Amino acid sequence: MSAIRKKNVAKIHSTYVQQQEFASLTTVRKRKLLFRRLSIFLLFAAFTSYFMISSILSQTSALDAKMAQKKHLDKEFSGLKKQQQILKENIIKLNDDEYIAKLARKEYFFSDKNEVIFNIPDNGKGKSTSN
């Protein structure tokens, strides 16, 4: 027997058969169009989802970086506030003549008339290790 058999069936040429063939062709065309539309829609939905997810992830990482930077700057700001307070106190002290005289005697070894300065080392700094 041959692999390909010829069908020896004659077609009926009536309007009903033609209508049925036309209906089956239209359903096949509609199904193909439906699959094409669905595949295009799925591609569009996948592209849109990818774009949205990637933008959310990049915004999240940028937000985390900004939050870390904000924490660092807040710490630096509080340190600068403390330093500003100390400098304001020093300004107030430097307006006092007695404090300036005391500071000059201590740091630069200035003395008044008939005053002798003795340099005594601190306990931790000037210890001699002689045995």
N, C-alpha and C. Protein backbone atom coordinates (compact mmCIF):
# COMPACT_ATOMS: atom_id res chain seq x y z
N MET A 1 0.83 -1.16 0.00
CA MET A 1 0.00 0.00 0.00
C MET A 1 0.89 1.24 0.00
N SER A 2 0.45 2.20 -0.64
CA SER A 2 1.23 3.42 -0.72
C SER A 2 0.98 4.27 0.54
N ALA A 3 1.98 5.11 0.85
CA ALA A 3 1.90 5.93 2.06
C ALA A 3 0.82 7.00 1.92
N ILE A 4 0.64 7.50 0.74
CA ILE A 4 -0.35 8.54 0.52
C ILE A 4 -1.52 7.92 -0.23
N ARG A 5 -2.66 8.04 0.35
CA ARG A 5 -3.86 7.52 -0.30
C ARG A 5 -4.66 8.66 -0.88
N LYS A 6 -5.14 8.44 -1.98
CA LYS A 6 -5.97 9.42 -2.62
C LYS A 6 -7.40 9.18 -2.19
N LYS A 7 -8.05 10.28 -1.84
CA LYS A 7 -9.43 10.15 -1.44
C LYS A 7 -10.29 10.27 -2.69
N ASN A 8 -11.14 9.35 -2.84
CA ASN A 8 -12.02 9.35 -4.00
C ASN A 8 -13.43 9.73 -3.59
N VAL A 9 -13.50 10.83 -2.81
CA VAL A 9 -14.81 11.26 -2.36
C VAL A 9 -15.14 12.53 -3.12
N ALA A 10 -16.31 12.57 -3.64
CA ALA A 10 -16.72 13.74 -4.41
C ALA A 10 -17.33 14.77 -3.47
N LYS A 11 -17.11 16.05 -3.78
CA LYS A 11 -17.67 17.12 -2.97
C LYS A 11 -19.07 17.42 -3.46
N ILE A 12 -19.89 17.78 -2.49
CA ILE A 12 -21.25 18.18 -2.83
C ILE A 12 -21.22 19.68 -3.05
N HIS A 13 -21.76 20.10 -4.14
CA HIS A 13 -21.76 21.52 -4.46
C HIS A 13 -23.12 22.12 -4.18
N SER A 14 -23.40 22.30 -2.91
CA SER A 14 -24.66 22.94 -2.55
C SER A 14 -24.35 24.20 -1.76
N THR A 15 -25.33 25.03 -1.61
CA THR A 15 -25.12 26.28 -0.89
C THR A 15 -24.87 26.02 0.58
N TYR A 16 -25.47 25.02 1.14
CA TYR A 16 -25.28 24.68 2.55
C TYR A 16 -23.82 24.29 2.80
N VAL A 17 -23.24 23.46 1.96
CA VAL A 17 -21.86 23.02 2.12
C VAL A 17 -20.92 24.22 1.97
N GLN A 18 -21.21 25.08 1.01
CA GLN A 18 -20.39 26.26 0.82
C GLN A 18 -20.45 27.18 2.04
N GLN A 19 -21.64 27.32 2.60
CA GLN A 19 -21.79 28.14 3.80
C GLN A 19 -21.00 27.54 4.97
N GLN A 20 -21.05 26.23 5.10
CA GLN A 20 -20.33 25.56 6.19
C GLN A 20 -18.82 25.70 6.00
N GLU A 21 -18.33 25.56 4.77
CA GLU A 21 -16.90 25.74 4.50
C GLU A 21 -16.48 27.18 4.79
N PHE A 22 -17.31 28.12 4.36
CA PHE A 22 -17.01 29.52 4.61
C PHE A 22 -17.01 29.81 6.12
N ALA A 23 -17.95 29.24 6.85
CA ALA A 23 -18.02 29.43 8.30
C ALA A 23 -16.79 28.83 8.97
N SER A 24 -16.37 27.65 8.54
CA SER A 24 -15.20 27.03 9.16
C SER A 24 -13.94 27.84 8.83
N LEU A 25 -13.83 28.38 7.63
CA LEU A 25 -12.69 29.23 7.28
C LEU A 25 -12.68 30.50 8.12
N THR A 26 -13.85 31.10 8.31
CA THR A 26 -13.90 32.33 9.12
C THR A 26 -13.56 32.04 10.58
N THR A 27 -13.98 30.92 11.11
CA THR A 27 -13.63 30.60 12.50
C THR A 27 -12.13 30.36 12.63
N VAL A 28 -11.52 29.71 11.62
CA VAL A 28 -10.08 29.50 11.64
C VAL A 28 -9.36 30.84 11.56
N ARG A 29 -9.81 31.74 10.70
CA ARG A 29 -9.20 33.07 10.60
C ARG A 29 -9.36 33.85 11.90
N LYS A 30 -10.56 33.80 12.47
CA LYS A 30 -10.79 34.50 13.74
C LYS A 30 -9.88 33.96 14.84
N ARG A 31 -9.70 32.65 14.87
CA ARG A 31 -8.85 32.04 15.88
C ARG A 31 -7.39 32.48 15.70
N LYS A 32 -6.92 32.51 14.45
CA LYS A 32 -5.55 32.97 14.17
C LYS A 32 -5.39 34.42 14.61
N LEU A 33 -6.35 35.27 14.27
CA LEU A 33 -6.29 36.67 14.67
C LEU A 33 -6.32 36.82 16.19
N LEU A 34 -7.15 35.99 16.84
CA LEU A 34 -7.21 36.03 18.30
C LEU A 34 -5.86 35.67 18.91
N PHE A 35 -5.22 34.61 18.39
CA PHE A 35 -3.91 34.22 18.91
C PHE A 35 -2.87 35.30 18.64
N ARG A 36 -2.94 35.94 17.49
CA ARG A 36 -2.00 37.03 17.19
C ARG A 36 -2.20 38.20 18.15
N ARG A 37 -3.46 38.57 18.35
CA ARG A 37 -3.74 39.68 19.27
C ARG A 37 -3.31 39.35 20.69
N LEU A 38 -3.59 38.13 21.11
CA LEU A 38 -3.19 37.73 22.47
C LEU A 38 -1.67 37.70 22.62
N SER A 39 -0.97 37.21 21.60
CA SER A 39 0.50 37.17 21.71
C SER A 39 1.07 38.57 21.73
N ILE A 40 0.53 39.48 20.93
CA ILE A 40 1.00 40.87 20.95
C ILE A 40 0.69 41.51 22.29
N PHE A 41 -0.50 41.24 22.81
CA PHE A 41 -0.86 41.79 24.12
C PHE A 41 0.06 41.25 25.21
N LEU A 42 0.36 39.95 25.17
CA LEU A 42 1.25 39.37 26.18
C LEU A 42 2.66 39.95 26.07
N LEU A 43 3.13 40.17 24.84
CA LEU A 43 4.45 40.80 24.69
C LEU A 43 4.44 42.21 25.25
N PHE A 44 3.40 42.95 24.95
CA PHE A 44 3.28 44.32 25.47
C PHE A 44 3.20 44.31 26.99
N ALA A 45 2.41 43.38 27.55
CA ALA A 45 2.27 43.29 29.01
C ALA A 45 3.60 42.90 29.65
N ALA A 46 4.33 41.98 29.02
CA ALA A 46 5.63 41.56 29.57
C ALA A 46 6.62 42.72 29.53
N PHE A 47 6.66 43.46 28.43
CA PHE A 47 7.56 44.61 28.32
C PHE A 47 7.21 45.66 29.35
N THR A 48 5.93 45.95 29.50
CA THR A 48 5.49 46.95 30.47
C THR A 48 5.82 46.50 31.90
N SER A 49 5.60 45.23 32.20
CA SER A 49 5.91 44.70 33.53
C SER A 49 7.40 44.80 33.81
N TYR A 50 8.21 44.43 32.84
CA TYR A 50 9.66 44.50 33.01
C TYR A 50 10.09 45.94 33.27
N PHE A 51 9.57 46.86 32.48
CA PHE A 51 9.92 48.27 32.65
C PHE A 51 9.51 48.77 34.02
N MET A 52 8.31 48.43 34.46
CA MET A 52 7.83 48.90 35.76
C MET A 52 8.65 48.30 36.91
N ILE A 53 8.92 47.01 36.84
CA ILE A 53 9.68 46.36 37.91
C ILE A 53 11.10 46.91 37.97
N SER A 54 11.73 47.10 36.80
CA SER A 54 13.10 47.62 36.82
C SER A 54 13.12 49.05 37.35
N SER A 55 12.13 49.86 37.01
CA SER A 55 12.12 51.23 37.53
C SER A 55 11.87 51.24 39.03
N ILE A 56 11.02 50.36 39.52
CA ILE A 56 10.78 50.29 40.97
C ILE A 56 12.05 49.87 41.70
N LEU A 57 12.75 48.88 41.15
CA LEU A 57 13.98 48.43 41.80
C LEU A 57 15.05 49.52 41.79
N SER A 58 15.19 50.23 40.69
CA SER A 58 16.19 51.29 40.65
C SER A 58 15.82 52.43 41.59
N GLN A 59 14.53 52.75 41.69
CA GLN A 59 14.11 53.80 42.61
C GLN A 59 14.32 53.37 44.06
N THR A 60 14.10 52.09 44.34
CA THR A 60 14.31 51.59 45.70
C THR A 60 15.79 51.68 46.08
N SER A 61 16.66 51.29 45.16
CA SER A 61 18.09 51.36 45.48
C SER A 61 18.54 52.82 45.63
N ALA A 62 18.01 53.69 44.80
CA ALA A 62 18.35 55.12 44.92
C ALA A 62 17.84 55.68 46.24
N LEU A 63 16.65 55.27 46.64
CA LEU A 63 16.08 55.73 47.90
C LEU A 63 16.90 55.23 49.08
N ASP A 64 17.35 53.98 49.03
CA ASP A 64 18.20 53.45 50.11
C ASP A 64 19.51 54.22 50.20
N ALA A 65 20.08 54.54 49.05
CA ALA A 65 21.33 55.30 49.06
C ALA A 65 21.10 56.69 49.64
N LYS A 66 20.00 57.32 49.30
CA LYS A 66 19.69 58.65 49.83
C LYS A 66 19.45 58.59 51.34
N MET A 67 18.79 57.54 51.80
CA MET A 67 18.54 57.41 53.25
C MET A 67 19.85 57.23 54.00
N ALA A 68 20.76 56.42 53.45
CA ALA A 68 22.07 56.23 54.09
C ALA A 68 22.84 57.55 54.10
N GLN A 69 22.78 58.28 53.00
CA GLN A 69 23.45 59.57 52.94
C GLN A 69 22.83 60.55 53.94
N LYS A 70 21.51 60.51 54.11
CA LYS A 70 20.83 61.39 55.06
C LYS A 70 21.27 61.08 56.49
N LYS A 71 21.38 59.79 56.83
CA LYS A 71 21.83 59.42 58.16
C LYS A 71 23.26 59.93 58.41
N HIS A 72 24.11 59.76 57.41
CA HIS A 72 25.49 60.23 57.55
C HIS A 72 25.53 61.74 57.72
N LEU A 73 24.75 62.46 56.94
CA LEU A 73 24.74 63.92 57.03
C LEU A 73 24.11 64.39 58.33
N ASP A 74 23.12 63.64 58.85
CA ASP A 74 22.54 64.01 60.15
C ASP A 74 23.59 63.88 61.26
N LYS A 75 24.38 62.81 61.22
CA LYS A 75 25.44 62.64 62.21
C LYS A 75 26.46 63.78 62.10
N GLU A 76 26.84 64.08 60.87
CA GLU A 76 27.80 65.16 60.65
C GLU A 76 27.22 66.50 61.12
N PHE A 77 25.94 66.71 60.87
CA PHE A 77 25.28 67.94 61.29
C PHE A 77 25.26 68.07 62.80
N SER A 78 24.96 66.97 63.51
CA SER A 78 24.95 67.05 64.97
C SER A 78 26.36 67.33 65.51
N GLY A 79 27.38 66.75 64.87
CA GLY A 79 28.76 67.03 65.27
C GLY A 79 29.11 68.50 65.05
N LEU A 80 28.66 69.03 63.93
CA LEU A 80 28.92 70.45 63.65
C LEU A 80 28.16 71.36 64.61
N LYS A 81 26.97 70.95 65.01
CA LYS A 81 26.21 71.74 66.01
C LYS A 81 26.99 71.80 67.33
N LYS A 82 27.53 70.65 67.76
CA LYS A 82 28.31 70.61 68.99
C LYS A 82 29.55 71.50 68.86
N GLN A 83 30.21 71.39 67.71
CA GLN A 83 31.40 72.20 67.49
C GLN A 83 31.04 73.69 67.47
N GLN A 84 29.92 74.03 66.91
CA GLN A 84 29.48 75.43 66.88
C GLN A 84 29.23 75.93 68.30
N GLN A 85 28.61 75.09 69.12
CA GLN A 85 28.35 75.48 70.50
C GLN A 85 29.66 75.71 71.25
N ILE A 86 30.64 74.83 71.03
CA ILE A 86 31.95 74.98 71.69
C ILE A 86 32.62 76.26 71.23
N LEU A 87 32.54 76.55 69.94
CA LEU A 87 33.16 77.77 69.42
C LEU A 87 32.47 79.02 69.94
N LYS A 88 31.16 78.97 70.11
CA LYS A 88 30.45 80.12 70.70
C LYS A 88 30.91 80.35 72.13
N GLU A 89 31.09 79.25 72.88
CA GLU A 89 31.57 79.38 74.26
C GLU A 89 32.98 79.96 74.27
N ASN A 90 33.84 79.54 73.32
CA ASN A 90 35.20 80.08 73.24
C ASN A 90 35.18 81.56 72.89
N ILE A 91 34.24 81.97 72.03
CA ILE A 91 34.14 83.39 71.69
C ILE A 91 33.79 84.20 72.93
N ILE A 92 32.85 83.69 73.71
CA ILE A 92 32.46 84.39 74.94
C ILE A 92 33.65 84.45 75.91
N LYS A 93 34.39 83.35 76.01
CA LYS A 93 35.55 83.33 76.90
C LYS A 93 36.64 84.28 76.41
N LEU A 94 36.84 84.34 75.10
CA LEU A 94 37.91 85.18 74.56
C LEU A 94 37.61 86.67 74.70
N ASN A 95 36.39 87.03 74.98
CA ASN A 95 36.07 88.42 75.24
C ASN A 95 36.46 88.83 76.66
N ASP A 96 36.81 87.87 77.49
CA ASP A 96 37.22 88.15 78.87
C ASP A 96 38.75 88.30 78.91
N ASP A 97 39.22 89.43 79.44
CA ASP A 97 40.66 89.69 79.47
C ASP A 97 41.40 88.74 80.41
N GLU A 98 40.78 88.38 81.50
CA GLU A 98 41.43 87.48 82.45
C GLU A 98 41.65 86.10 81.82
N TYR A 99 40.71 85.64 81.08
CA TYR A 99 40.84 84.34 80.41
C TYR A 99 41.97 84.39 79.37
N ILE A 100 42.05 85.49 78.62
CA ILE A 100 43.12 85.62 77.61
C ILE A 100 44.48 85.63 78.29
N ALA A 101 44.60 86.34 79.42
CA ALA A 101 45.87 86.37 80.15
C ALA A 101 46.22 84.98 80.67
N LYS A 102 45.26 84.29 81.20
CA LYS A 102 45.49 82.94 81.72
C LYS A 102 45.90 82.00 80.58
N LEU A 103 45.24 82.12 79.44
CA LEU A 103 45.55 81.28 78.28
C LEU A 103 46.95 81.58 77.76
N ALA A 104 47.34 82.85 77.73
CA ALA A 104 48.67 83.22 77.27
C ALA A 104 49.74 82.69 78.21
N ARG A 105 49.50 82.75 79.51
CA ARG A 105 50.46 82.22 80.48
C ARG A 105 50.60 80.70 80.33
N LYS A 106 49.48 80.04 80.12
CA LYS A 106 49.49 78.58 80.06
C LYS A 106 50.09 78.07 78.76
N GLU A 107 49.66 78.60 77.64
CA GLU A 107 50.08 78.08 76.35
C GLU A 107 51.43 78.63 75.88
N TYR A 108 51.66 79.92 76.10
CA TYR A 108 52.83 80.56 75.51
C TYR A 108 53.86 80.99 76.56
N PHE A 109 53.65 80.59 77.80
CA PHE A 109 54.57 80.84 78.90
C PHE A 109 54.88 82.33 79.07
N PHE A 110 53.89 83.17 78.90
CA PHE A 110 54.06 84.59 79.21
C PHE A 110 53.94 84.76 80.72
N SER A 111 54.59 85.78 81.21
CA SER A 111 54.54 86.00 82.65
C SER A 111 54.33 87.48 82.93
N ASP A 112 53.83 87.73 84.12
CA ASP A 112 53.72 89.12 84.58
C ASP A 112 55.09 89.55 85.11
N LYS A 113 55.14 90.81 85.55
CA LYS A 113 56.38 91.32 86.12
C LYS A 113 56.66 90.59 87.43
N ASN A 114 57.93 90.24 87.62
CA ASN A 114 58.40 89.56 88.82
C ASN A 114 57.69 88.21 89.04
N GLU A 115 57.35 87.55 87.94
CA GLU A 115 56.70 86.24 88.03
C GLU A 115 57.60 85.22 87.35
N VAL A 116 57.80 84.08 88.01
CA VAL A 116 58.64 83.01 87.47
C VAL A 116 57.72 81.85 87.12
N ILE A 117 57.95 81.30 85.93
CA ILE A 117 57.10 80.18 85.48
C ILE A 117 57.89 78.90 85.65
N PHE A 118 57.27 77.95 86.34
CA PHE A 118 57.85 76.63 86.50
C PHE A 118 57.01 75.67 85.66
N ASN A 119 57.69 74.91 84.84
CA ASN A 119 57.01 73.96 83.97
C ASN A 119 57.00 72.61 84.66
N ILE A 120 55.86 72.21 85.16
CA ILE A 120 55.72 70.94 85.87
C ILE A 120 55.02 69.96 84.91
N PRO A 121 55.66 68.81 84.63
CA PRO A 121 55.03 67.85 83.72
C PRO A 121 53.81 67.20 84.36
N ASP A 122 52.85 66.83 83.47
CA ASP A 122 51.66 66.13 83.95
C ASP A 122 52.04 64.72 84.38
N ASN A 123 51.17 64.05 85.13
CA ASN A 123 51.45 62.71 85.63
C ASN A 123 51.62 61.71 84.49
N GLY A 124 50.80 61.78 83.46
CA GLY A 124 50.86 60.80 82.39
C GLY A 124 51.90 61.11 81.36
N LYS A 125 52.23 62.37 81.15
CA LYS A 125 53.12 62.75 80.06
C LYS A 125 54.58 62.79 80.47
N GLY A 126 54.88 63.29 81.66
CA GLY A 126 56.28 63.57 82.00
C GLY A 126 56.91 62.56 82.93
N LYS A 127 56.42 61.39 83.07
CA LYS A 127 57.00 60.41 83.96
C LYS A 127 58.35 59.94 83.40
N SER A 128 59.32 59.94 84.28
CA SER A 128 60.64 59.43 83.87
C SER A 128 60.78 58.00 84.35
N THR A 129 61.37 57.17 83.55
CA THR A 129 61.51 55.76 83.89
C THR A 129 62.96 55.48 84.25
N SER A 130 63.42 56.05 85.36
CA SER A 130 64.79 55.78 85.80
C SER A 130 64.77 54.80 86.95
N ASN A 131 65.56 53.74 86.86
CA ASN A 131 65.61 52.71 87.89
C ASN A 131 66.93 52.67 88.54
